[in-house]
């Protein structure tokens, strides 16, 4: 009887511990979704690129070609979207997370009215969709990997033939 009670007690303790860990992981995921979504609304839609000073970890890595490391270079990369496009709309169509990892499905619209990474303004309107996989640690973005159809983007800018 004592062995059975002891076994039941241990089983209950393990179950409660696992449940608490799972709840904490879900809380982190939801907090990250809220923070991450707000960051990109401020940065792209409102043009507040300096928000990245506190949203990014100092060792941020953007997996692009070429790879970008550090806050200053990462801010400069996203500043091109703000200065290169007017009427910007960055729409998070779906976002989900598990612990420190997030995936967002997004749409970016705008009019190319300024220099964008050395490409002079074309006046063309663009509408592209993509996906970002990100990692956050202690509420800071430490890594991002974006996927979008770059060829379609260049066609919409009028740089490649349809």
C-alpha atoms as a PDB file:
ATOM      1  CA  UNK A   1       0.000   0.000   0.000  1.00  0.00           C
ATOM      2  CA  UNK A   2       2.822   2.399   0.925  1.00  0.00           C
ATOM      3  CA  UNK A   3       4.615   1.571  -2.324  1.00  0.00           C
ATOM      4  CA  UNK A   4       1.458   2.266  -4.336  1.00  0.00           C
ATOM      5  CA  UNK A   5       0.899   5.595  -2.571  1.00  0.00           C
ATOM      6  CA  UNK A   6       4.519   6.540  -3.161  1.00  0.00           C
ATOM      7  CA  UNK A   7       4.266   5.633  -6.834  1.00  0.00           C
ATOM      8  CA  UNK A   8       1.056   7.641  -7.217  1.00  0.00           C
ATOM      9  CA  UNK A   9       2.669  10.644  -5.495  1.00  0.00           C
ATOM     10  CA  UNK A  10       5.727  10.523  -7.771  1.00  0.00           C
ATOM     11  CA  UNK A  11       3.563  10.126 -10.872  1.00  0.00           C
ATOM     12  CA  UNK A  12       1.429  13.116  -9.884  1.00  0.00           C
ATOM     13  CA  UNK A  13       4.512  15.218  -9.176  1.00  0.00           C
ATOM     14  CA  UNK A  14       5.980  14.368 -12.589  1.00  0.00           C
ATOM     15  CA  UNK A  15       2.681  15.136 -14.321  1.00  0.00           C
ATOM     16  CA  UNK A  16       2.356  18.525 -12.594  1.00  0.00           C
ATOM     17  CA  UNK A  17       5.985  19.332 -13.387  1.00  0.00           C
ATOM     18  CA  UNK A  18       5.525  18.504 -17.071  1.00  0.00           C
ATOM     19  CA  UNK A  19       2.290  20.466 -17.208  1.00  0.00           C
ATOM     20  CA  UNK A  20       3.970  23.529 -15.652  1.00  0.00           C
ATOM     21  CA  UNK A  21       6.883  23.285 -18.112  1.00  0.00           C
ATOM     22  CA  UNK A  22       4.466  23.037 -21.032  1.00  0.00           C
ATOM     23  CA  UNK A  23       2.457  26.029 -19.783  1.00  0.00           C
ATOM     24  CA  UNK A  24       5.654  28.074 -19.397  1.00  0.00           C
ATOM     25  CA  UNK A  25       6.780  27.169 -22.922  1.00  0.00           C
ATOM     26  CA  UNK A  26       3.376  28.227 -24.289  1.00  0.00           C
ATOM     27  CA  UNK A  27       3.537  31.521 -22.351  1.00  0.00           C
ATOM     28  CA  UNK A  28       6.978  32.247 -23.821  1.00  0.00           C
ATOM     29  CA  UNK A  29       5.666  31.454 -27.300  1.00  0.00           C
ATOM     30  CA  UNK A  30       2.658  33.777 -26.904  1.00  0.00           C
ATOM     31  CA  UNK A  31       4.806  36.582 -25.441  1.00  0.00           C
ATOM     32  CA  UNK A  32       7.233  36.197 -28.367  1.00  0.00           C
ATOM     33  CA  UNK A  33       4.391  36.356 -30.907  1.00  0.00           C
ATOM     34  CA  UNK A  34       3.076  39.568 -29.361  1.00  0.00           C
ATOM     35  CA  UNK A  35       6.513  41.208 -29.162  1.00  0.00           C
ATOM     36  CA  UNK A  36       7.612  40.068 -32.621  1.00  0.00           C
ATOM     37  CA  UNK A  37       4.398  41.189 -34.326  1.00  0.00           C
ATOM     38  CA  UNK A  38       4.518  44.605 -32.661  1.00  0.00           C
ATOM     39  CA  UNK A  39       8.176  45.053 -33.623  1.00  0.00           C
ATOM     40  CA  UNK A  40       7.539  44.569 -37.331  1.00  0.00           C
ATOM     41  CA  UNK A  41       4.428  46.732 -37.295  1.00  0.00           C
ATOM     42  CA  UNK A  42       6.503  49.564 -35.816  1.00  0.00           C
ATOM     43  CA  UNK A  43       9.572  49.009 -38.005  1.00  0.00           C
ATOM     44  CA  UNK A  44       7.960  48.607 -41.420  1.00  0.00           C
ATOM     45  CA  UNK A  45       4.503  50.174 -41.193  1.00  0.00           C
ATOM     46  CA  UNK A  46       5.503  53.109 -38.996  1.00  0.00           C
ATOM     47  CA  UNK A  47       9.105  53.379 -40.215  1.00  0.00           C
ATOM     48  CA  UNK A  48      10.571  53.224 -36.699  1.00  0.00           C
ATOM     49  CA  UNK A  49      13.720  51.264 -37.541  1.00  0.00           C
ATOM     50  CA  UNK A  50      15.358  52.313 -34.251  1.00  0.00           C
ATOM     51  CA  UNK A  51      12.990  49.904 -32.469  1.00  0.00           C
ATOM     52  CA  UNK A  52      15.437  47.223 -33.600  1.00  0.00           C
ATOM     53  CA  UNK A  53      18.018  48.602 -31.139  1.00  0.00           C
ATOM     54  CA  UNK A  54      16.022  46.979 -28.348  1.00  0.00           C
ATOM     55  CA  UNK A  55      14.222  44.206 -30.257  1.00  0.00           C
ATOM     56  CA  UNK A  56      17.394  42.596 -31.577  1.00  0.00           C
ATOM     57  CA  UNK A  57      20.018  40.787 -29.537  1.00  0.00           C
ATOM     58  CA  UNK A  58      23.515  42.250 -30.098  1.00  0.00           C
ATOM     59  CA  UNK A  59      24.550  39.091 -31.986  1.00  0.00           C
ATOM     60  CA  UNK A  60      21.533  39.091 -34.358  1.00  0.00           C
ATOM     61  CA  UNK A  61      22.025  37.106 -37.569  1.00  0.00           C
ATOM     62  CA  UNK A  62      19.915  37.622 -40.702  1.00  0.00           C
ATOM     63  CA  UNK A  63      20.312  34.632 -42.975  1.00  0.00           C
ATOM     64  CA  UNK A  64      20.275  36.453 -46.292  1.00  0.00           C
ATOM     65  CA  UNK A  65      22.736  36.537 -49.152  1.00  0.00           C
ATOM     66  CA  UNK A  66      25.143  37.751 -47.952  1.00  0.00           C
ATOM     67  CA  UNK A  67      24.539  36.905 -44.302  1.00  0.00           C
ATOM     68  CA  UNK A  68      24.124  39.975 -42.079  1.00  0.00           C
ATOM     69  CA  UNK A  69      25.420  40.073 -38.509  1.00  0.00           C
ATOM     70  CA  UNK A  70      24.917  42.691 -35.813  1.00  0.00           C
ATOM     71  CA  UNK A  71      22.312  45.300 -35.017  1.00  0.00           C
ATOM     72  CA  UNK A  72      23.743  48.166 -37.098  1.00  0.00           C
ATOM     73  CA  UNK A  73      23.927  46.178 -40.351  1.00  0.00           C
ATOM     74  CA  UNK A  74      20.540  44.573 -39.719  1.00  0.00           C
ATOM     75  CA  UNK A  75      18.931  47.971 -39.123  1.00  0.00           C
ATOM     76  CA  UNK A  76      20.491  49.298 -42.334  1.00  0.00           C
ATOM     77  CA  UNK A  77      19.026  46.342 -44.235  1.00  0.00           C
ATOM     78  CA  UNK A  78      15.472  47.033 -43.049  1.00  0.00           C
ATOM     79  CA  UNK A  79      15.903  50.797 -43.407  1.00  0.00           C
ATOM     80  CA  UNK A  80      16.051  50.189 -47.178  1.00  0.00           C
ATOM     81  CA  UNK A  81      12.441  49.004 -47.079  1.00  0.00           C
ATOM     82  CA  UNK A  82      11.375  52.107 -45.166  1.00  0.00           C
ATOM     83  CA  UNK A  83      13.235  54.615 -47.358  1.00  0.00           C
ATOM     84  CA  UNK A  84      12.719  52.708 -50.604  1.00  0.00           C
ATOM     85  CA  UNK A  85       8.957  52.297 -50.397  1.00  0.00           C
ATOM     86  CA  UNK A  86       6.099  54.648 -49.628  1.00  0.00           C
ATOM     87  CA  UNK A  87       2.552  53.496 -48.868  1.00  0.00           C
ATOM     88  CA  UNK A  88       4.129  50.545 -47.058  1.00  0.00           C
ATOM     89  CA  UNK A  89       1.877  47.860 -45.665  1.00  0.00           C
ATOM     90  CA  UNK A  90       3.371  44.919 -43.833  1.00  0.00           C
ATOM     91  CA  UNK A  91       0.637  42.456 -43.021  1.00  0.00           C
ATOM     92  CA  UNK A  92       1.186  39.420 -40.824  1.00  0.00           C
ATOM     93  CA  UNK A  93      -1.229  36.921 -42.346  1.00  0.00           C
ATOM     94  CA  UNK A  94      -0.420  34.131 -39.894  1.00  0.00           C
ATOM     95  CA  UNK A  95       2.068  33.606 -37.093  1.00  0.00           C
ATOM     96  CA  UNK A  96       2.718  30.743 -34.740  1.00  0.00           C
ATOM     97  CA  UNK A  97       5.400  29.807 -32.255  1.00  0.00           C
ATOM     98  CA  UNK A  98       6.757  26.992 -30.188  1.00  0.00           C
ATOM     99  CA  UNK A  99       8.918  28.140 -27.320  1.00  0.00           C
ATOM    100  CA  UNK A 100      11.659  30.357 -28.741  1.00  0.00           C
ATOM    101  CA  UNK A 101      10.950  29.670 -32.432  1.00  0.00           C
ATOM    102  CA  UNK A 102       8.436  31.588 -34.573  1.00  0.00           C
ATOM    103  CA  UNK A 103       7.146  31.364 -38.103  1.00  0.00           C
ATOM    104  CA  UNK A 104       5.228  34.171 -39.743  1.00  0.00           C
ATOM    105  CA  UNK A 105       3.533  34.301 -43.120  1.00  0.00           C
ATOM    106  CA  UNK A 106       3.446  37.884 -44.359  1.00  0.00           C
ATOM    107  CA  UNK A 107       2.590  40.225 -47.213  1.00  0.00           C
ATOM    108  CA  UNK A 108       4.491  43.398 -48.097  1.00  0.00           C
ATOM    109  CA  UNK A 109       2.994  46.099 -50.297  1.00  0.00           C
ATOM    110  CA  UNK A 110       4.376  49.471 -51.276  1.00  0.00           C
ATOM    111  CA  UNK A 111       5.326  51.909 -53.990  1.00  0.00           C
ATOM    112  CA  UNK A 112       8.997  52.054 -54.944  1.00  0.00           C
ATOM    113  CA  UNK A 113       9.582  55.796 -54.569  1.00  0.00           C
ATOM    114  CA  UNK A 114      13.100  55.849 -53.112  1.00  0.00           C
ATOM    115  CA  UNK A 115      16.453  54.146 -53.387  1.00  0.00           C
ATOM    116  CA  UNK A 116      16.217  50.470 -52.454  1.00  0.00           C
ATOM    117  CA  UNK A 117      19.570  48.736 -52.023  1.00  0.00           C
ATOM    118  CA  UNK A 118      21.045  50.781 -54.857  1.00  0.00           C
ATOM    119  CA  UNK A 119      17.996  50.434 -57.116  1.00  0.00           C
ATOM    120  CA  UNK A 120      16.689  53.899 -58.008  1.00  0.00           C
ATOM    121  CA  UNK A 121      12.964  54.539 -57.629  1.00  0.00           C
ATOM    122  CA  UNK A 122      10.868  52.934 -60.359  1.00  0.00           C
ATOM    123  CA  UNK A 123       7.481  54.216 -59.210  1.00  0.00           C
ATOM    124  CA  UNK A 124       6.191  50.649 -59.450  1.00  0.00           C
ATOM    125  CA  UNK A 125       3.809  49.172 -56.895  1.00  0.00           C
ATOM    126  CA  UNK A 126       4.785  45.843 -55.411  1.00  0.00           C
ATOM    127  CA  UNK A 127       2.838  43.170 -53.567  1.00  0.00           C
ATOM    128  CA  UNK A 128       4.867  40.172 -52.379  1.00  0.00           C
ATOM    129  CA  UNK A 129       4.300  37.409 -49.876  1.00  0.00           C
ATOM    130  CA  UNK A 130       6.858  35.545 -47.858  1.00  0.00           C
ATOM    131  CA  UNK A 131       7.654  33.622 -44.750  1.00  0.00           C
ATOM    132  CA  UNK A 132      10.091  34.297 -41.919  1.00  0.00           C
ATOM    133  CA  UNK A 133      11.495  31.795 -39.462  1.00  0.00           C
ATOM    134  CA  UNK A 134      12.870  33.492 -36.363  1.00  0.00           C
ATOM    135  CA  UNK A 135      14.380  32.608 -33.034  1.00  0.00           C
ATOM    136  CA  UNK A 136      14.019  34.669 -29.876  1.00  0.00           C
ATOM    137  CA  UNK A 137      15.934  34.318 -26.624  1.00  0.00           C
ATOM    138  CA  UNK A 138      14.900  36.211 -23.493  1.00  0.00           C
ATOM    139  CA  UNK A 139      12.524  38.350 -25.539  1.00  0.00           C
ATOM    140  CA  UNK A 140      15.175  39.400 -28.101  1.00  0.00           C
ATOM    141  CA  UNK A 141      15.323  38.389 -31.757  1.00  0.00           C
ATOM    142  CA  UNK A 142      18.581  36.488 -32.289  1.00  0.00           C
ATOM    143  CA  UNK A 143      18.057  34.996 -35.733  1.00  0.00           C
ATOM    144  CA  UNK A 144      15.858  35.466 -38.818  1.00  0.00           C
ATOM    145  CA  UNK A 145      15.569  33.690 -42.136  1.00  0.00           C
ATOM    146  CA  UNK A 146      13.254  35.197 -44.788  1.00  0.00           C
ATOM    147  CA  UNK A 147      11.804  33.393 -47.784  1.00  0.00           C
ATOM    148  CA  UNK A 148      10.085  35.167 -50.668  1.00  0.00           C
ATOM    149  CA  UNK A 149       9.976  34.990 -54.448  1.00  0.00           C
ATOM    150  CA  UNK A 150      12.784  37.419 -55.325  1.00  0.00           C
ATOM    151  CA  UNK A 151      12.250  36.944 -59.056  1.00  0.00           C
ATOM    152  CA  UNK A 152       8.606  38.013 -58.755  1.00  0.00           C
ATOM    153  CA  UNK A 153       9.721  40.977 -56.636  1.00  0.00           C
ATOM    154  CA  UNK A 154      12.224  42.061 -59.337  1.00  0.00           C
ATOM    155  CA  UNK A 155       9.558  41.629 -62.046  1.00  0.00           C
ATOM    156  CA  UNK A 156       7.133  43.815 -60.103  1.00  0.00           C
ATOM    157  CA  UNK A 157       9.836  46.486 -59.831  1.00  0.00           C
ATOM    158  CA  UNK A 158      10.168  46.324 -63.630  1.00  0.00           C
ATOM    159  CA  UNK A 159      13.757  45.076 -63.444  1.00  0.00           C
ATOM    160  CA  UNK A 160      13.023  41.739 -65.144  1.00  0.00           C
ATOM    161  CA  UNK A 161      10.683  41.025 -68.032  1.00  0.00           C
ATOM    162  CA  UNK A 162       7.350  39.412 -67.213  1.00  0.00           C
END
